[in-house]
């Protein structure tokens, strides 16, 4: 079950740059254009997140913890990917330096 306490425990979280993490998750979950889906979600997030269906009966919840839980956690303003209780939650971030150069 996805809980705020679970995400606050760093043993349950993997932090990674989007260009490094998304291709791996896309391949493992068999979700085509995961990068595009995360980009669109990042631009237009919804509080409850979005569930994406993948191959081999896999699915992933993409969400922003600060919106989802109405709280403030470390890196909680980024898009996260949740695969279930048996897997870590993945924080997909764009490094600040790159954001500053692009914005």
C-alpha atoms as a PDB file:
ATOM      1  CA  UNK A   1       0.000   0.000   0.000  1.00  0.00           C
ATOM      2  CA  UNK A   2       1.343   3.392  -0.961  1.00  0.00           C
ATOM      3  CA  UNK A   3       1.789   5.490   2.181  1.00  0.00           C
ATOM      4  CA  UNK A   4       3.601   8.691   2.993  1.00  0.00           C
ATOM      5  CA  UNK A   5       5.702   6.904   5.630  1.00  0.00           C
ATOM      6  CA  UNK A   6       6.830   4.389   3.002  1.00  0.00           C
ATOM      7  CA  UNK A   7       8.132   7.204   0.794  1.00  0.00           C
ATOM      8  CA  UNK A   8       9.820   8.971   3.698  1.00  0.00           C
ATOM      9  CA  UNK A   9      11.867   5.831   4.390  1.00  0.00           C
ATOM     10  CA  UNK A  10      14.829   6.146   2.035  1.00  0.00           C
ATOM     11  CA  UNK A  11      15.267   2.358   2.034  1.00  0.00           C
ATOM     12  CA  UNK A  12      12.095   2.219  -0.088  1.00  0.00           C
ATOM     13  CA  UNK A  13      13.132   4.861  -2.628  1.00  0.00           C
ATOM     14  CA  UNK A  14      15.447   4.998  -5.645  1.00  0.00           C
ATOM     15  CA  UNK A  15      16.375   8.470  -6.918  1.00  0.00           C
ATOM     16  CA  UNK A  16      17.469   8.790 -10.519  1.00  0.00           C
ATOM     17  CA  UNK A  17      17.857  11.254 -13.350  1.00  0.00           C
ATOM     18  CA  UNK A  18      15.072  10.963 -15.877  1.00  0.00           C
ATOM     19  CA  UNK A  19      17.376  10.180 -18.824  1.00  0.00           C
ATOM     20  CA  UNK A  20      18.967   7.309 -16.882  1.00  0.00           C
ATOM     21  CA  UNK A  21      15.967   5.853 -15.074  1.00  0.00           C
ATOM     22  CA  UNK A  22      13.115   6.117 -17.578  1.00  0.00           C
ATOM     23  CA  UNK A  23      14.636   3.886 -20.304  1.00  0.00           C
ATOM     24  CA  UNK A  24      15.248   1.124 -17.744  1.00  0.00           C
ATOM     25  CA  UNK A  25      11.724   1.339 -16.322  1.00  0.00           C
ATOM     26  CA  UNK A  26      10.180   1.523 -19.787  1.00  0.00           C
ATOM     27  CA  UNK A  27      11.969  -1.648 -20.868  1.00  0.00           C
ATOM     28  CA  UNK A  28      11.261  -3.582 -17.649  1.00  0.00           C
ATOM     29  CA  UNK A  29       7.589  -2.601 -17.498  1.00  0.00           C
ATOM     30  CA  UNK A  30       7.061  -2.754 -21.248  1.00  0.00           C
ATOM     31  CA  UNK A  31       5.376   0.659 -21.289  1.00  0.00           C
ATOM     32  CA  UNK A  32       5.910   2.288 -24.677  1.00  0.00           C
ATOM     33  CA  UNK A  33       6.815   5.999 -24.645  1.00  0.00           C
ATOM     34  CA  UNK A  34       7.126   6.107 -20.859  1.00  0.00           C
ATOM     35  CA  UNK A  35       9.338   9.196 -21.217  1.00  0.00           C
ATOM     36  CA  UNK A  36       6.622  11.035 -23.154  1.00  0.00           C
ATOM     37  CA  UNK A  37       3.922   9.988 -20.684  1.00  0.00           C
ATOM     38  CA  UNK A  38       5.991  11.198 -17.736  1.00  0.00           C
ATOM     39  CA  UNK A  39       6.783  14.467 -19.544  1.00  0.00           C
ATOM     40  CA  UNK A  40       3.089  15.107 -20.253  1.00  0.00           C
ATOM     41  CA  UNK A  41       2.185  14.241 -16.665  1.00  0.00           C
ATOM     42  CA  UNK A  42       4.924  16.559 -15.356  1.00  0.00           C
ATOM     43  CA  UNK A  43       3.437  19.385 -17.446  1.00  0.00           C
ATOM     44  CA  UNK A  44      -0.181  18.653 -16.383  1.00  0.00           C
ATOM     45  CA  UNK A  45      -0.183  16.690 -13.112  1.00  0.00           C
ATOM     46  CA  UNK A  46      -3.325  15.436 -11.400  1.00  0.00           C
ATOM     47  CA  UNK A  47      -3.557  14.933  -7.637  1.00  0.00           C
ATOM     48  CA  UNK A  48      -4.434  11.226  -7.801  1.00  0.00           C
ATOM     49  CA  UNK A  49      -1.727  10.378 -10.333  1.00  0.00           C
ATOM     50  CA  UNK A  50      -2.149   8.168 -13.394  1.00  0.00           C
ATOM     51  CA  UNK A  51      -1.944   4.394 -13.637  1.00  0.00           C
ATOM     52  CA  UNK A  52      -0.116   3.135 -16.721  1.00  0.00           C
ATOM     53  CA  UNK A  53      -0.542  -0.421 -17.976  1.00  0.00           C
ATOM     54  CA  UNK A  54       2.472  -2.301 -19.242  1.00  0.00           C
ATOM     55  CA  UNK A  55       3.200  -5.724 -20.656  1.00  0.00           C
ATOM     56  CA  UNK A  56       3.076  -9.007 -18.769  1.00  0.00           C
ATOM     57  CA  UNK A  57       0.348  -7.708 -16.441  1.00  0.00           C
ATOM     58  CA  UNK A  58       2.518  -4.916 -15.066  1.00  0.00           C
ATOM     59  CA  UNK A  59       1.338  -1.454 -14.144  1.00  0.00           C
ATOM     60  CA  UNK A  60       2.829   1.672 -12.633  1.00  0.00           C
ATOM     61  CA  UNK A  61       1.388   4.655 -10.835  1.00  0.00           C
ATOM     62  CA  UNK A  62       3.013   7.925 -11.797  1.00  0.00           C
ATOM     63  CA  UNK A  63       2.350  10.667  -9.285  1.00  0.00           C
ATOM     64  CA  UNK A  64       3.785  13.665  -7.462  1.00  0.00           C
ATOM     65  CA  UNK A  65       3.934  12.884  -3.724  1.00  0.00           C
ATOM     66  CA  UNK A  66       3.489  16.487  -2.569  1.00  0.00           C
ATOM     67  CA  UNK A  67       0.177  16.626  -4.483  1.00  0.00           C
ATOM     68  CA  UNK A  68      -0.920  13.049  -3.834  1.00  0.00           C
ATOM     69  CA  UNK A  69      -0.489  13.254  -0.050  1.00  0.00           C
ATOM     70  CA  UNK A  70      -0.925  17.011   0.341  1.00  0.00           C
ATOM     71  CA  UNK A  71       2.415  16.997   2.163  1.00  0.00           C
ATOM     72  CA  UNK A  72       5.993  18.073   1.677  1.00  0.00           C
ATOM     73  CA  UNK A  73       8.680  15.366   1.456  1.00  0.00           C
ATOM     74  CA  UNK A  74      12.232  15.257   0.142  1.00  0.00           C
ATOM     75  CA  UNK A  75      12.092  15.467  -3.684  1.00  0.00           C
ATOM     76  CA  UNK A  76       8.281  15.270  -3.428  1.00  0.00           C
ATOM     77  CA  UNK A  77       7.719  17.840  -6.161  1.00  0.00           C
ATOM     78  CA  UNK A  78       9.119  15.454  -8.788  1.00  0.00           C
ATOM     79  CA  UNK A  79       7.311  12.723 -10.675  1.00  0.00           C
ATOM     80  CA  UNK A  80       7.579   9.348  -8.941  1.00  0.00           C
ATOM     81  CA  UNK A  81       6.853   5.858 -10.250  1.00  0.00           C
ATOM     82  CA  UNK A  82       5.268   3.352  -7.855  1.00  0.00           C
ATOM     83  CA  UNK A  83       5.268  -0.324  -8.805  1.00  0.00           C
ATOM     84  CA  UNK A  84       3.859  -1.852  -5.636  1.00  0.00           C
ATOM     85  CA  UNK A  85       4.931  -2.751  -2.127  1.00  0.00           C
ATOM     86  CA  UNK A  86       7.499  -5.319  -3.203  1.00  0.00           C
ATOM     87  CA  UNK A  87       9.454  -2.761  -5.227  1.00  0.00           C
ATOM     88  CA  UNK A  88      11.018   0.584  -4.344  1.00  0.00           C
ATOM     89  CA  UNK A  89       9.337   3.796  -5.420  1.00  0.00           C
ATOM     90  CA  UNK A  90      11.305   5.608  -8.103  1.00  0.00           C
ATOM     91  CA  UNK A  91      11.820   9.375  -7.917  1.00  0.00           C
ATOM     92  CA  UNK A  92      12.421  10.602 -11.470  1.00  0.00           C
ATOM     93  CA  UNK A  93      14.051  13.997 -11.365  1.00  0.00           C
ATOM     94  CA  UNK A  94      15.547  16.512 -13.743  1.00  0.00           C
ATOM     95  CA  UNK A  95      18.729  17.929 -12.189  1.00  0.00           C
ATOM     96  CA  UNK A  96      18.383  21.519 -11.028  1.00  0.00           C
ATOM     97  CA  UNK A  97      21.258  22.778 -13.188  1.00  0.00           C
ATOM     98  CA  UNK A  98      19.556  21.492 -16.333  1.00  0.00           C
ATOM     99  CA  UNK A  99      16.256  23.081 -15.298  1.00  0.00           C
ATOM    100  CA  UNK A 100      17.972  26.437 -14.749  1.00  0.00           C
ATOM    101  CA  UNK A 101      19.588  26.321 -18.188  1.00  0.00           C
ATOM    102  CA  UNK A 102      16.318  25.391 -19.916  1.00  0.00           C
ATOM    103  CA  UNK A 103      14.115  27.824 -17.986  1.00  0.00           C
END
